[in-house]
Amino acid sequence: MLNQIFVAPFVDMFAAPDFLLQVLWEGLVSGILYALIALGFVLIFRSSRIFNFAQGIMVVFAALTLVGLYEMGVPAWVSVVLTLGVMFILAVSIEKIVLRPLVGQPDIILFMATIGITLFLIGLGEIIFGGENKVMITEALGIPTGSVVFEPWGGLLILEEKDITAVGVAGMLVVALLLFLNKTRMGRAIRALGDDPQAALSVGISLQTIWVLVWFIAGIIALVTGVAWGARAGVSFALEVIAYKALPVLMLGGLESITGAIIGGLMIGMLEKLFEIYWGQPILGGNTETWFAFVLALIVLLFRPQGLFGEKIIERV
């Protein structure tokens, strides 16, 4: 019995290395998209100490806006620009209407406010776009839909071109974000506000401007994620559930660590896929991807409460 549980899966894993590569690739794609969603959480939390529960619905709302504009006859890339405009208006509205009046309130109040934003966007999205599943406009955006086939070790490795595109765009977005945070004045202001809010405010950094900026960046991330996930599974409010996978990524990587969000997303994406294929389906009956990430994050938290890349928690008495 123990041999079947612990030894046999490893034997199967390395007996077919081409299939192992296929599983790892599928996990890598999912992991990068998990990491993107987690980055939206991290950016907002670092700058405002707000856990943005609305990040998931922002992914859905951005994707629905893009598809909705295209269905109204707007050219695809013009729809992208207009969608970015909508996400900017959303960021400004959230800062002015929701966050600014709540400055200084307890964190739980701000968290509840993001739940309110979530419910509002769900209702607004259903009124404007309806509740039916929509098809992402991959071809109109120039996203290839074919496959690339390799034959490693005499086997077969199939990479979907839309997944390759998603990985490439996500990688460029992460690099651009890191350059922005480390090399630009506004990026350094965001980091300063996260490191020491009082000192940042005392030297003239505008809290309102930073909040609008980080919510807009989170909106850009939401749009890219929505296009990538929508190309794989269609666009509907069910996509919001995928955003919940960012929660174990955050627990694993730490709420304030951009590096942790990236590495945590990749780890969870690949490990959950490996576990599902080699342990979940043959031993546990499948469907382990729904809970594996949360169990893994819980195990990590038992030994390192701040996550793998979060700052060590020190209590002074």
C-alpha atoms as a PDB file:
ATOM      1  CA  MET A   1       0.000   0.000   0.000  1.00  0.00           C
ATOM      2  CA  LEU A   2       2.756   2.472   0.960  1.00  0.00           C
ATOM      3  CA  ASN A   3       4.639   1.510  -2.190  1.00  0.00           C
ATOM      4  CA  GLN A   4       1.564   2.353  -4.274  1.00  0.00           C
ATOM      5  CA  ILE A   5       1.164   5.750  -2.593  1.00  0.00           C
ATOM      6  CA  PHE A   6       4.754   6.971  -2.325  1.00  0.00           C
ATOM      7  CA  VAL A   7       6.960   5.014  -4.749  1.00  0.00           C
ATOM      8  CA  ALA A   8       4.796   4.120  -7.749  1.00  0.00           C
ATOM      9  CA  PRO A   9       3.916   7.755  -8.686  1.00  0.00           C
ATOM     10  CA  PHE A  10       7.602   8.688  -8.827  1.00  0.00           C
ATOM     11  CA  VAL A  11       8.335   5.664 -11.014  1.00  0.00           C
ATOM     12  CA  ASP A  12       5.486   6.649 -13.355  1.00  0.00           C
ATOM     13  CA  MET A  13       6.676  10.260 -13.376  1.00  0.00           C
ATOM     14  CA  PHE A  14      10.141   9.518 -14.704  1.00  0.00           C
ATOM     15  CA  ALA A  15       9.139   6.538 -16.853  1.00  0.00           C
ATOM     16  CA  ALA A  16       7.599   8.932 -19.398  1.00  0.00           C
ATOM     17  CA  PRO A  17       9.666  12.150 -19.349  1.00  0.00           C
ATOM     18  CA  ASP A  18       7.844  13.648 -22.332  1.00  0.00           C
ATOM     19  CA  PHE A  19       4.513  13.372 -20.504  1.00  0.00           C
ATOM     20  CA  LEU A  20       6.155  14.849 -17.394  1.00  0.00           C
ATOM     21  CA  LEU A  21       7.230  17.862 -19.462  1.00  0.00           C
ATOM     22  CA  GLN A  22       3.650  18.236 -20.730  1.00  0.00           C
ATOM     23  CA  VAL A  23       2.320  18.240 -17.160  1.00  0.00           C
ATOM     24  CA  LEU A  24       4.956  20.745 -16.036  1.00  0.00           C
ATOM     25  CA  TRP A  25       4.141  23.033 -18.966  1.00  0.00           C
ATOM     26  CA  GLU A  26       0.422  23.009 -18.142  1.00  0.00           C
ATOM     27  CA  GLY A  27       1.280  23.776 -14.529  1.00  0.00           C
ATOM     28  CA  LEU A  28       3.642  26.575 -15.567  1.00  0.00           C
ATOM     29  CA  VAL A  29       0.938  28.306 -17.598  1.00  0.00           C
ATOM     30  CA  SER A  30      -1.568  28.101 -14.745  1.00  0.00           C
ATOM     31  CA  GLY A  31       1.067  29.183 -12.246  1.00  0.00           C
ATOM     32  CA  ILE A  32       1.984  32.313 -14.190  1.00  0.00           C
ATOM     33  CA  LEU A  33      -1.663  33.346 -14.332  1.00  0.00           C
ATOM     34  CA  TYR A  34      -2.064  32.679 -10.594  1.00  0.00           C
ATOM     35  CA  ALA A  35       1.017  34.834 -10.021  1.00  0.00           C
ATOM     36  CA  LEU A  36      -0.445  37.690 -12.075  1.00  0.00           C
ATOM     37  CA  ILE A  37      -3.608  37.742  -9.980  1.00  0.00           C
ATOM     38  CA  ALA A  38      -1.542  37.601  -6.807  1.00  0.00           C
ATOM     39  CA  LEU A  39       0.525  40.578  -8.007  1.00  0.00           C
ATOM     40  CA  GLY A  40      -2.636  42.677  -8.075  1.00  0.00           C
ATOM     41  CA  PHE A  41      -3.278  41.789  -4.433  1.00  0.00           C
ATOM     42  CA  VAL A  42       0.330  42.484  -3.415  1.00  0.00           C
ATOM     43  CA  LEU A  43       0.555  45.901  -5.080  1.00  0.00           C
ATOM     44  CA  ILE A  44      -2.589  47.207  -3.409  1.00  0.00           C
ATOM     45  CA  PHE A  45      -1.703  45.717  -0.033  1.00  0.00           C
ATOM     46  CA  ARG A  46       1.833  47.143  -0.078  1.00  0.00           C
ATOM     47  CA  SER A  47       0.640  50.661  -0.791  1.00  0.00           C
ATOM     48  CA  SER A  48      -2.489  50.839   1.338  1.00  0.00           C
ATOM     49  CA  ARG A  49      -2.617  47.816   3.677  1.00  0.00           C
ATOM     50  CA  ILE A  50      -5.919  46.916   2.003  1.00  0.00           C
ATOM     51  CA  PHE A  51      -6.561  43.273   1.143  1.00  0.00           C
ATOM     52  CA  ASN A  52      -8.388  43.741  -2.162  1.00  0.00           C
ATOM     53  CA  PHE A  53     -11.090  41.084  -2.242  1.00  0.00           C
ATOM     54  CA  ALA A  54     -12.315  42.659  -5.502  1.00  0.00           C
ATOM     55  CA  GLN A  55      -9.264  41.618  -7.569  1.00  0.00           C
ATOM     56  CA  GLY A  56     -11.056  38.505  -8.836  1.00  0.00           C
ATOM     57  CA  ILE A  57     -14.113  40.351 -10.115  1.00  0.00           C
ATOM     58  CA  MET A  58     -11.827  42.973 -11.666  1.00  0.00           C
ATOM     59  CA  VAL A  59     -10.401  40.185 -13.856  1.00  0.00           C
ATOM     60  CA  VAL A  60     -13.921  39.234 -14.947  1.00  0.00           C
ATOM     61  CA  PHE A  61     -15.110  42.827 -15.401  1.00  0.00           C
ATOM     62  CA  ALA A  62     -12.081  43.744 -17.542  1.00  0.00           C
ATOM     63  CA  ALA A  63     -12.518  40.692 -19.782  1.00  0.00           C
ATOM     64  CA  LEU A  64     -16.282  41.265 -20.122  1.00  0.00           C
ATOM     65  CA  THR A  65     -15.723  44.936 -20.990  1.00  0.00           C
ATOM     66  CA  LEU A  66     -13.246  43.996 -23.717  1.00  0.00           C
ATOM     67  CA  VAL A  67     -15.535  41.387 -25.269  1.00  0.00           C
ATOM     68  CA  GLY A  68     -18.610  43.597 -24.849  1.00  0.00           C
ATOM     69  CA  LEU A  69     -17.012  46.535 -26.678  1.00  0.00           C
ATOM     70  CA  TYR A  70     -15.912  44.258 -29.511  1.00  0.00           C
ATOM     71  CA  GLU A  71     -19.435  42.833 -29.825  1.00  0.00           C
ATOM     72  CA  MET A  72     -20.713  46.409 -30.206  1.00  0.00           C
ATOM     73  CA  GLY A  73     -18.544  46.809 -33.313  1.00  0.00           C
ATOM     74  CA  VAL A  74     -15.486  48.470 -31.795  1.00  0.00           C
ATOM     75  CA  PRO A  75     -12.211  47.206 -33.360  1.00  0.00           C
ATOM     76  CA  ALA A  76     -10.307  44.775 -31.157  1.00  0.00           C
ATOM     77  CA  TRP A  77      -7.287  46.911 -30.229  1.00  0.00           C
ATOM     78  CA  VAL A  78      -9.443  50.008 -29.814  1.00  0.00           C
ATOM     79  CA  SER A  79     -11.504  47.899 -27.411  1.00  0.00           C
ATOM     80  CA  VAL A  80      -8.314  47.143 -25.461  1.00  0.00           C
ATOM     81  CA  VAL A  81      -7.511  50.855 -25.132  1.00  0.00           C
ATOM     82  CA  LEU A  82     -11.088  51.689 -24.129  1.00  0.00           C
ATOM     83  CA  THR A  83     -11.066  48.871 -21.584  1.00  0.00           C
ATOM     84  CA  LEU A  84      -7.911  50.313 -20.046  1.00  0.00           C
ATOM     85  CA  GLY A  85      -9.748  53.634 -19.895  1.00  0.00           C
ATOM     86  CA  VAL A  86     -12.636  51.953 -18.095  1.00  0.00           C
ATOM     87  CA  MET A  87     -10.227  50.404 -15.574  1.00  0.00           C
ATOM     88  CA  PHE A  88      -8.656  53.837 -14.981  1.00  0.00           C
ATOM     89  CA  ILE A  89     -12.083  55.383 -14.380  1.00  0.00           C
ATOM     90  CA  LEU A  90     -12.825  52.503 -12.016  1.00  0.00           C
ATOM     91  CA  ALA A  91      -9.574  53.159 -10.115  1.00  0.00           C
ATOM     92  CA  VAL A  92     -10.340  56.878  -9.772  1.00  0.00           C
ATOM     93  CA  SER A  93     -13.920  56.170  -8.683  1.00  0.00           C
ATOM     94  CA  ILE A  94     -12.843  53.627  -6.060  1.00  0.00           C
ATOM     95  CA  GLU A  95     -10.298  56.064  -4.609  1.00  0.00           C
ATOM     96  CA  LYS A  96     -12.677  59.034  -4.493  1.00  0.00           C
ATOM     97  CA  ILE A  97     -15.928  57.325  -3.516  1.00  0.00           C
ATOM     98  CA  VAL A  98     -14.823  54.366  -1.399  1.00  0.00           C
ATOM     99  CA  LEU A  99     -11.271  54.686  -0.083  1.00  0.00           C
ATOM    100  CA  ARG A 100     -10.805  58.409   0.576  1.00  0.00           C
ATOM    101  CA  PRO A 101     -13.737  58.644   3.022  1.00  0.00           C
ATOM    102  CA  LEU A 102     -12.389  55.576   4.881  1.00  0.00           C
ATOM    103  CA  VAL A 103      -8.825  56.807   5.450  1.00  0.00           C
ATOM    104  CA  GLY A 104      -7.801  56.009   9.023  1.00  0.00           C
ATOM    105  CA  GLN A 105     -10.485  53.387   9.536  1.00  0.00           C
ATOM    106  CA  PRO A 106      -9.570  49.894  10.802  1.00  0.00           C
ATOM    107  CA  ASP A 107      -8.274  47.430   8.232  1.00  0.00           C
ATOM    108  CA  ILE A 108     -11.390  45.272   8.536  1.00  0.00           C
ATOM    109  CA  ILE A 109     -13.533  48.216   7.387  1.00  0.00           C
ATOM    110  CA  LEU A 110     -11.412  48.677   4.277  1.00  0.00           C
ATOM    111  CA  PHE A 111     -11.550  44.930   3.614  1.00  0.00           C
ATOM    112  CA  MET A 112     -15.346  44.989   3.873  1.00  0.00           C
ATOM    113  CA  ALA A 113     -15.360  47.927   1.455  1.00  0.00           C
ATOM    114  CA  THR A 114     -13.606  45.773  -1.166  1.00  0.00           C
ATOM    115  CA  ILE A 115     -16.298  43.118  -0.680  1.00  0.00           C
ATOM    116  CA  GLY A 116     -18.837  45.845  -1.398  1.00  0.00           C
ATOM    117  CA  ILE A 117     -16.904  46.774  -4.555  1.00  0.00           C
ATOM    118  CA  THR A 118     -17.018  43.108  -5.586  1.00  0.00           C
ATOM    119  CA  LEU A 119     -20.795  42.869  -5.213  1.00  0.00           C
ATOM    120  CA  PHE A 120     -21.290  46.180  -7.021  1.00  0.00           C
ATOM    121  CA  LEU A 121     -19.158  45.087  -9.989  1.00  0.00           C
ATOM    122  CA  ILE A 122     -20.972  41.741 -10.185  1.00  0.00           C
ATOM    123  CA  GLY A 123     -24.333  43.511 -10.343  1.00  0.00           C
ATOM    124  CA  LEU A 124     -23.099  46.145 -12.801  1.00  0.00           C
ATOM    125  CA  GLY A 125     -21.498  43.502 -14.997  1.00  0.00           C
ATOM    126  CA  GLU A 126     -24.654  41.393 -15.120  1.00  0.00           C
ATOM    127  CA  ILE A 127     -26.770  44.454 -15.997  1.00  0.00           C
ATOM    128  CA  ILE A 128     -24.463  45.578 -18.810  1.00  0.00           C
ATOM    129  CA  PHE A 129     -23.148  42.301 -20.204  1.00  0.00           C
ATOM    130  CA  GLY A 130     -25.609  39.658 -19.020  1.00  0.00           C
ATOM    131  CA  GLY A 131     -24.720  36.426 -17.273  1.00  0.00           C
ATOM    132  CA  GLU A 132     -24.023  34.137 -20.222  1.00  0.00           C
ATOM    133  CA  ASN A 133     -20.607  32.783 -21.135  1.00  0.00           C
ATOM    134  CA  LYS A 134     -18.753  34.747 -23.827  1.00  0.00           C
ATOM    135  CA  VAL A 135     -15.926  33.796 -26.170  1.00  0.00           C
ATOM    136  CA  MET A 136     -12.639  35.682 -25.826  1.00  0.00           C
ATOM    137  CA  ILE A 137     -11.669  37.517 -29.025  1.00  0.00           C
ATOM    138  CA  THR A 138      -8.326  35.773 -29.415  1.00  0.00           C
ATOM    139  CA  GLU A 139      -8.187  35.829 -33.225  1.00  0.00           C
ATOM    140  CA  ALA A 140      -9.263  39.478 -33.428  1.00  0.00           C
ATOM    141  CA  LEU A 141      -6.418  40.368 -31.036  1.00  0.00           C
ATOM    142  CA  GLY A 142      -3.961  38.437 -33.181  1.00  0.00           C
ATOM    143  CA  ILE A 143      -3.422  35.722 -30.576  1.00  0.00           C
ATOM    144  CA  PRO A 144      -2.480  32.483 -32.394  1.00  0.00           C
ATOM    145  CA  THR A 145      -4.672  29.466 -31.717  1.00  0.00           C
ATOM    146  CA  GLY A 146      -2.609  26.668 -33.203  1.00  0.00           C
ATOM    147  CA  SER A 147      -0.204  24.223 -31.577  1.00  0.00           C
ATOM    148  CA  VAL A 148       3.539  23.663 -31.549  1.00  0.00           C
ATOM    149  CA  VAL A 149       4.602  20.013 -31.421  1.00  0.00           C
ATOM    150  CA  PHE A 150       7.930  18.694 -30.131  1.00  0.00           C
ATOM    151  CA  GLU A 151       9.163  15.104 -29.931  1.00  0.00           C
ATOM    152  CA  PRO A 152      11.495  14.856 -26.927  1.00  0.00           C
ATOM    153  CA  TRP A 153      12.892  11.387 -26.142  1.00  0.00           C
ATOM    154  CA  GLY A 154      10.762   9.953 -28.935  1.00  0.00           C
ATOM    155  CA  GLY A 155       7.587  11.128 -27.194  1.00  0.00           C
ATOM    156  CA  LEU A 156       5.184  13.999 -27.861  1.00  0.00           C
ATOM    157  CA  LEU A 157       5.000  17.486 -26.311  1.00  0.00           C
ATOM    158  CA  ILE A 158       2.181  19.779 -27.464  1.00  0.00           C
ATOM    159  CA  LEU A 159       2.272  23.495 -26.611  1.00  0.00           C
ATOM    160  CA  GLU A 160      -0.765  25.630 -27.392  1.00  0.00           C
ATOM    161  CA  GLU A 161       0.319  28.846 -29.095  1.00  0.00           C
ATOM    162  CA  LYS A 162      -2.150  30.892 -27.034  1.00  0.00           C
ATOM    163  CA  ASP A 163      -0.481  29.529 -23.879  1.00  0.00           C
ATOM    164  CA  ILE A 164       2.964  30.439 -25.228  1.00  0.00           C
ATOM    165  CA  THR A 165       1.643  33.942 -25.933  1.00  0.00           C
ATOM    166  CA  ALA A 166       0.167  34.184 -22.442  1.00  0.00           C
ATOM    167  CA  VAL A 167       3.465  33.160 -20.846  1.00  0.00           C
ATOM    168  CA  GLY A 168       5.410  35.646 -22.978  1.00  0.00           C
ATOM    169  CA  VAL A 169       3.059  38.571 -22.310  1.00  0.00           C
ATOM    170  CA  ALA A 170       2.876  37.762 -18.592  1.00  0.00           C
ATOM    171  CA  GLY A 171       6.669  37.625 -18.414  1.00  0.00           C
ATOM    172  CA  MET A 172       7.009  41.010 -20.127  1.00  0.00           C
ATOM    173  CA  LEU A 173       4.370  42.492 -17.827  1.00  0.00           C
ATOM    174  CA  VAL A 174       6.222  41.267 -14.737  1.00  0.00           C
ATOM    175  CA  VAL A 175       9.544  42.665 -16.023  1.00  0.00           C
ATOM    176  CA  ALA A 176       7.899  46.007 -16.864  1.00  0.00           C
ATOM    177  CA  LEU A 177       6.316  46.126 -13.415  1.00  0.00           C
ATOM    178  CA  LEU A 178       9.618  45.423 -11.662  1.00  0.00           C
ATOM    179  CA  LEU A 179      11.376  48.084 -13.732  1.00  0.00           C
ATOM    180  CA  PHE A 180       8.604  50.560 -12.947  1.00  0.00           C
ATOM    181  CA  LEU A 181       8.779  49.896  -9.212  1.00  0.00           C
ATOM    182  CA  ASN A 182      12.568  50.035  -9.037  1.00  0.00           C
ATOM    183  CA  LYS A 183      13.556  52.610 -11.654  1.00  0.00           C
ATOM    184  CA  THR A 184      10.826  55.264 -11.744  1.00  0.00           C
ATOM    185  CA  ARG A 185       9.926  58.015  -9.307  1.00  0.00           C
ATOM    186  CA  MET A 186       6.313  56.855  -8.912  1.00  0.00           C
ATOM    187  CA  GLY A 187       7.456  53.265  -8.475  1.00  0.00           C
ATOM    188  CA  ARG A 188       9.803  54.264  -5.673  1.00  0.00           C
ATOM    189  CA  ALA A 189       6.968  56.287  -4.122  1.00  0.00           C
ATOM    190  CA  ILE A 190       4.790  53.163  -4.062  1.00  0.00           C
ATOM    191  CA  ARG A 191       7.556  51.194  -2.380  1.00  0.00           C
ATOM    192  CA  ALA A 192       8.201  53.989   0.112  1.00  0.00           C
ATOM    193  CA  LEU A 193       4.525  54.187   1.043  1.00  0.00           C
ATOM    194  CA  GLY A 194       4.520  50.447   1.683  1.00  0.00           C
ATOM    195  CA  ASP A 195       7.738  50.514   3.737  1.00  0.00           C
ATOM    196  CA  ASP A 196       6.961  53.548   5.929  1.00  0.00           C
ATOM    197  CA  PRO A 197       3.618  55.317   5.268  1.00  0.00           C
ATOM    198  CA  GLN A 198       4.163  58.173   7.727  1.00  0.00           C
ATOM    199  CA  ALA A 199       7.625  59.005   6.394  1.00  0.00           C
ATOM    200  CA  ALA A 200       6.367  58.815   2.802  1.00  0.00           C
ATOM    201  CA  LEU A 201       3.479  61.180   3.509  1.00  0.00           C
ATOM    202  CA  SER A 202       5.769  63.581   5.370  1.00  0.00           C
ATOM    203  CA  VAL A 203       7.939  64.111   2.268  1.00  0.00           C
ATOM    204  CA  GLY A 204       4.974  64.986   0.071  1.00  0.00           C
ATOM    205  CA  ILE A 205       3.963  61.678  -1.507  1.00  0.00           C
ATOM    206  CA  SER A 206       0.264  61.896  -2.372  1.00  0.00           C
ATOM    207  CA  LEU A 207      -1.726  59.027  -0.899  1.00  0.00           C
ATOM    208  CA  GLN A 208      -4.622  59.634  -3.311  1.00  0.00           C
ATOM    209  CA  THR A 209      -2.364  59.598  -6.391  1.00  0.00           C
ATOM    210  CA  ILE A 210      -0.635  56.390  -5.322  1.00  0.00           C
ATOM    211  CA  TRP A 211      -3.931  54.659  -4.600  1.00  0.00           C
ATOM    212  CA  VAL A 212      -5.311  55.540  -8.036  1.00  0.00           C
ATOM    213  CA  LEU A 213      -2.070  54.382  -9.658  1.00  0.00           C
ATOM    214  CA  VAL A 214      -1.887  50.993  -7.924  1.00  0.00           C
ATOM    215  CA  TRP A 215      -5.571  50.271  -8.534  1.00  0.00           C
ATOM    216  CA  PHE A 216      -5.075  51.143 -12.209  1.00  0.00           C
ATOM    217  CA  ILE A 217      -2.010  48.873 -12.421  1.00  0.00           C
ATOM    218  CA  ALA A 218      -4.100  46.145 -10.764  1.00  0.00           C
ATOM    219  CA  GLY A 219      -6.690  46.799 -13.472  1.00  0.00           C
ATOM    220  CA  ILE A 220      -4.070  46.338 -16.217  1.00  0.00           C
ATOM    221  CA  ILE A 221      -2.992  43.072 -14.607  1.00  0.00           C
ATOM    222  CA  ALA A 222      -6.658  42.048 -14.382  1.00  0.00           C
ATOM    223  CA  LEU A 223      -7.162  42.704 -18.106  1.00  0.00           C
ATOM    224  CA  VAL A 224      -4.118  40.658 -19.143  1.00  0.00           C
ATOM    225  CA  THR A 225      -5.179  37.826 -16.833  1.00  0.00           C
ATOM    226  CA  GLY A 226      -8.767  37.991 -18.077  1.00  0.00           C
ATOM    227  CA  VAL A 227      -7.672  37.726 -21.710  1.00  0.00           C
ATOM    228  CA  ALA A 228      -5.367  34.786 -20.962  1.00  0.00           C
ATOM    229  CA  TRP A 229      -7.890  32.854 -18.856  1.00  0.00           C
ATOM    230  CA  GLY A 230     -10.733  33.796 -21.186  1.00  0.00           C
ATOM    231  CA  ALA A 231      -8.822  32.346 -24.143  1.00  0.00           C
ATOM    232  CA  ARG A 232      -8.600  29.050 -22.251  1.00  0.00           C
ATOM    233  CA  ALA A 233     -12.027  28.791 -20.617  1.00  0.00           C
ATOM    234  CA  GLY A 234     -14.298  31.506 -22.023  1.00  0.00           C
ATOM    235  CA  VAL A 235     -15.395  34.684 -20.256  1.00  0.00           C
ATOM    236  CA  SER A 236     -18.003  34.465 -17.518  1.00  0.00           C
ATOM    237  CA  PHE A 237     -18.434  35.252 -13.850  1.00  0.00           C
ATOM    238  CA  ALA A 238     -17.124  31.753 -13.118  1.00  0.00           C
ATOM    239  CA  LEU A 239     -13.638  33.186 -13.789  1.00  0.00           C
ATOM    240  CA  GLU A 240     -13.859  34.909 -10.413  1.00  0.00           C
ATOM    241  CA  VAL A 241     -13.410  31.524  -8.747  1.00  0.00           C
ATOM    242  CA  ILE A 242      -9.989  31.192 -10.396  1.00  0.00           C
ATOM    243  CA  ALA A 243      -8.884  34.320  -8.535  1.00  0.00           C
ATOM    244  CA  TYR A 244      -9.335  32.490  -5.251  1.00  0.00           C
ATOM    245  CA  LYS A 245      -6.256  30.457  -6.219  1.00  0.00           C
ATOM    246  CA  ALA A 246      -4.288  33.643  -5.602  1.00  0.00           C
ATOM    247  CA  LEU A 247      -5.053  33.306  -1.886  1.00  0.00           C
ATOM    248  CA  PRO A 248      -2.779  30.274  -1.290  1.00  0.00           C
ATOM    249  CA  VAL A 249      -0.197  31.952  -3.537  1.00  0.00           C
ATOM    250  CA  LEU A 250      -0.251  34.942  -1.186  1.00  0.00           C
ATOM    251  CA  MET A 251      -0.085  32.718   1.875  1.00  0.00           C
ATOM    252  CA  LEU A 252       2.855  30.865   0.369  1.00  0.00           C
ATOM    253  CA  GLY A 253       4.768  33.857  -0.945  1.00  0.00           C
ATOM    254  CA  GLY A 254       3.832  36.529   1.586  1.00  0.00           C
ATOM    255  CA  LEU A 255       1.353  39.393   1.277  1.00  0.00           C
ATOM    256  CA  GLU A 256       4.010  42.043   0.645  1.00  0.00           C
ATOM    257  CA  SER A 257       6.459  40.207  -1.594  1.00  0.00           C
ATOM    258  CA  ILE A 258       6.339  40.619  -5.368  1.00  0.00           C
ATOM    259  CA  THR A 259       9.008  37.936  -5.686  1.00  0.00           C
ATOM    260  CA  GLY A 260       6.919  35.703  -3.435  1.00  0.00           C
ATOM    261  CA  ALA A 261       3.826  36.216  -5.609  1.00  0.00           C
ATOM    262  CA  ILE A 262       5.732  35.175  -8.736  1.00  0.00           C
ATOM    263  CA  ILE A 263       7.546  32.176  -7.254  1.00  0.00           C
ATOM    264  CA  GLY A 264       4.540  31.135  -5.177  1.00  0.00           C
ATOM    265  CA  GLY A 265       2.295  31.170  -8.245  1.00  0.00           C
ATOM    266  CA  LEU A 266       4.727  29.058 -10.264  1.00  0.00           C
ATOM    267  CA  MET A 267       5.174  26.595  -7.387  1.00  0.00           C
ATOM    268  CA  ILE A 268       1.461  26.112  -6.843  1.00  0.00           C
ATOM    269  CA  GLY A 269       0.673  25.888 -10.555  1.00  0.00           C
ATOM    270  CA  MET A 270       3.206  23.130 -11.206  1.00  0.00           C
ATOM    271  CA  LEU A 271       2.874  21.230  -7.914  1.00  0.00           C
ATOM    272  CA  GLU A 272      -0.916  21.043  -8.059  1.00  0.00           C
ATOM    273  CA  LYS A 273      -0.753  19.731 -11.623  1.00  0.00           C
ATOM    274  CA  LEU A 274       1.876  17.118 -10.710  1.00  0.00           C
ATOM    275  CA  PHE A 275      -0.120  16.019  -7.669  1.00  0.00           C
ATOM    276  CA  GLU A 276      -3.357  15.799  -9.651  1.00  0.00           C
ATOM    277  CA  ILE A 277      -1.878  13.682 -12.456  1.00  0.00           C
ATOM    278  CA  TYR A 278       0.386  11.330 -10.481  1.00  0.00           C
ATOM    279  CA  TRP A 279      -1.358  11.086  -7.105  1.00  0.00           C
ATOM    280  CA  GLY A 280      -4.833  12.602  -7.384  1.00  0.00           C
ATOM    281  CA  GLN A 281      -6.309  10.700 -10.324  1.00  0.00           C
ATOM    282  CA  PRO A 282      -4.835   7.213  -9.734  1.00  0.00           C
ATOM    283  CA  ILE A 283      -5.005   7.187  -5.915  1.00  0.00           C
ATOM    284  CA  LEU A 284      -7.509   9.792  -4.674  1.00  0.00           C
ATOM    285  CA  GLY A 285     -10.012   9.737  -7.520  1.00  0.00           C
ATOM    286  CA  GLY A 286      -9.083  13.103  -9.016  1.00  0.00           C
ATOM    287  CA  ASN A 287     -10.281  16.680  -8.441  1.00  0.00           C
ATOM    288  CA  THR A 288      -7.373  17.434  -6.096  1.00  0.00           C
ATOM    289  CA  GLU A 289      -6.638  20.734  -7.890  1.00  0.00           C
ATOM    290  CA  THR A 290      -9.552  22.319  -6.026  1.00  0.00           C
ATOM    291  CA  TRP A 291      -7.901  21.892  -2.617  1.00  0.00           C
ATOM    292  CA  PHE A 292      -4.218  21.020  -3.033  1.00  0.00           C
ATOM    293  CA  ALA A 293      -2.985  24.637  -3.119  1.00  0.00           C
ATOM    294  CA  PHE A 294      -4.819  25.510   0.096  1.00  0.00           C
ATOM    295  CA  VAL A 295      -3.474  22.453   1.937  1.00  0.00           C
ATOM    296  CA  LEU A 296       0.066  23.237   0.755  1.00  0.00           C
ATOM    297  CA  ALA A 297      -0.246  26.856   1.917  1.00  0.00           C
ATOM    298  CA  LEU A 298      -1.611  25.717   5.282  1.00  0.00           C
ATOM    299  CA  ILE A 299       1.363  23.399   5.802  1.00  0.00           C
ATOM    300  CA  VAL A 300       3.773  26.241   4.996  1.00  0.00           C
ATOM    301  CA  LEU A 301       1.964  28.615   7.375  1.00  0.00           C
ATOM    302  CA  LEU A 302       2.276  26.123  10.229  1.00  0.00           C
ATOM    303  CA  PHE A 303       6.060  26.469  10.062  1.00  0.00           C
ATOM    304  CA  ARG A 304       6.440  29.976   8.612  1.00  0.00           C
ATOM    305  CA  PRO A 305       3.377  32.186   9.302  1.00  0.00           C
ATOM    306  CA  GLN A 306       4.693  35.086   7.213  1.00  0.00           C
ATOM    307  CA  GLY A 307       5.068  32.899   4.114  1.00  0.00           C
ATOM    308  CA  LEU A 308       8.254  31.820   2.381  1.00  0.00           C
ATOM    309  CA  PHE A 309       9.233  35.323   1.273  1.00  0.00           C
ATOM    310  CA  GLY A 310       7.473  37.536   3.805  1.00  0.00           C
ATOM    311  CA  GLU A 311       9.368  39.448   6.479  1.00  0.00           C
ATOM    312  CA  LYS A 312       9.851  37.586   9.726  1.00  0.00           C
ATOM    313  CA  ILE A 313       7.269  38.553  12.323  1.00  0.00           C
ATOM    314  CA  ILE A 314       8.924  39.985  15.455  1.00  0.00           C
ATOM    315  CA  GLU A 315       6.865  40.863  18.486  1.00  0.00           C
ATOM    316  CA  ARG A 316       8.479  43.214  20.998  1.00  0.00           C
ATOM    317  CA  VAL A 317       7.404  43.061  24.614  1.00  0.00           C
END
